[in-house]
C-alpha cells in the first residue's frame, strides 16, 4: 500500500472547507455527515497544531538590557 502524501496547510484547509460545504448542503445521509464531521474535526486539530508550531517558530530572541537573552513572541517585538 502506498504511503499517503502529507497535505500542506492550505490543502488541509481546502479539504475542511469542502467538507463544510458538503455538510451544509444537507444532501448527505446522517451516517455520511457524521463521518465527514469526524474527518473535519481531525483535520482542524492538525491545522491547529500546525498553527501553534508556526507561532513558536516566529518567536524571536531579544537581547535584554542586562545582556541576557529572553524569548518573546514576535508581535511583542515591535
Protein backbone atom coordinates (compact mmCIF):
# COMPACT_ATOMS: atom_id res chain seq x y z
CA UNK A 1 0.00 0.00 0.00
CA UNK A 2 1.35 3.42 -0.94
CA UNK A 3 2.01 5.91 1.83
CA UNK A 4 -0.36 8.86 1.98
CA UNK A 5 1.06 12.20 0.87
CA UNK A 6 1.25 14.66 3.74
CA UNK A 7 -1.12 17.51 2.96
CA UNK A 8 0.05 21.09 3.14
CA UNK A 9 -1.70 23.52 5.46
CA UNK A 10 -3.52 25.06 2.50
CA UNK A 11 -4.62 21.68 1.12
CA UNK A 12 -5.91 20.59 4.52
CA UNK A 13 -7.77 23.89 4.94
CA UNK A 14 -9.36 23.47 1.49
CA UNK A 15 -10.36 19.94 2.50
CA UNK A 16 -12.10 21.26 5.62
CA UNK A 17 -13.88 23.94 3.59
CA UNK A 18 -15.09 21.28 1.13
CA UNK A 19 -16.34 19.10 3.98
CA UNK A 20 -18.23 22.04 5.45
CA UNK A 21 -19.82 22.76 2.08
CA UNK A 22 -20.95 19.15 1.72
CA UNK A 23 -22.41 19.10 5.22
CA UNK A 24 -24.16 22.45 4.79
CA UNK A 25 -25.81 21.25 1.59
CA UNK A 26 -27.95 18.88 3.65
CA UNK A 27 -27.68 16.24 0.94
CA UNK A 28 -25.61 13.77 2.98
CA UNK A 29 -27.22 10.88 4.84
CA UNK A 30 -26.74 11.10 8.60
CA UNK A 31 -24.01 8.45 8.76
CA UNK A 32 -22.02 10.14 5.99
CA UNK A 33 -22.45 13.54 7.67
CA UNK A 34 -21.10 12.10 10.93
CA UNK A 35 -18.09 10.64 9.12
CA UNK A 36 -17.47 13.99 7.40
CA UNK A 37 -17.74 15.78 10.76
CA UNK A 38 -15.22 13.42 12.35
CA UNK A 39 -12.84 13.83 9.40
CA UNK A 40 -13.21 17.61 9.60
CA UNK A 41 -12.51 17.69 13.33
CA UNK A 42 -9.36 15.60 12.83
CA UNK A 43 -8.21 17.97 10.10
CA UNK A 44 -8.94 21.01 12.27
CA UNK A 45 -6.91 19.51 15.11
CA UNK A 46 -3.98 19.01 12.75
CA UNK A 47 -4.36 22.58 11.44
CA UNK A 48 -4.35 23.95 14.98
CA UNK A 49 -1.18 22.03 15.84
CA UNK A 50 0.49 23.34 12.69
CA UNK A 51 -0.50 26.92 13.55
CA UNK A 52 0.86 26.53 17.08
CA UNK A 53 4.12 25.19 15.68
CA UNK A 54 4.37 28.12 13.28
CA UNK A 55 3.74 30.57 16.11
CA UNK A 56 6.54 29.01 18.15
CA UNK A 57 8.89 29.33 15.18
CA UNK A 58 8.05 33.03 14.93
CA UNK A 59 9.41 33.57 18.42
CA UNK A 60 12.47 35.78 18.31
CA UNK A 61 15.36 36.29 20.66
CA UNK A 62 15.70 39.74 22.10
CA UNK A 63 18.72 40.86 23.99
CA UNK A 64 17.62 42.26 27.32
CA UNK A 65 19.18 45.38 28.79
CA UNK A 66 21.33 43.31 31.17
CA UNK A 67 22.83 41.26 28.34
CA UNK A 68 20.82 38.10 28.89
CA UNK A 69 18.69 36.63 26.15
CA UNK A 70 14.97 36.14 26.53
CA UNK A 71 12.41 34.67 24.18
CA UNK A 72 9.47 36.87 23.30
CA UNK A 73 6.67 36.37 20.79
CA UNK A 74 7.21 38.20 17.51
CA UNK A 75 4.21 40.52 17.93
CA UNK A 76 5.68 41.89 21.19
CA UNK A 77 8.95 42.76 19.45
CA UNK A 78 7.58 45.87 17.71
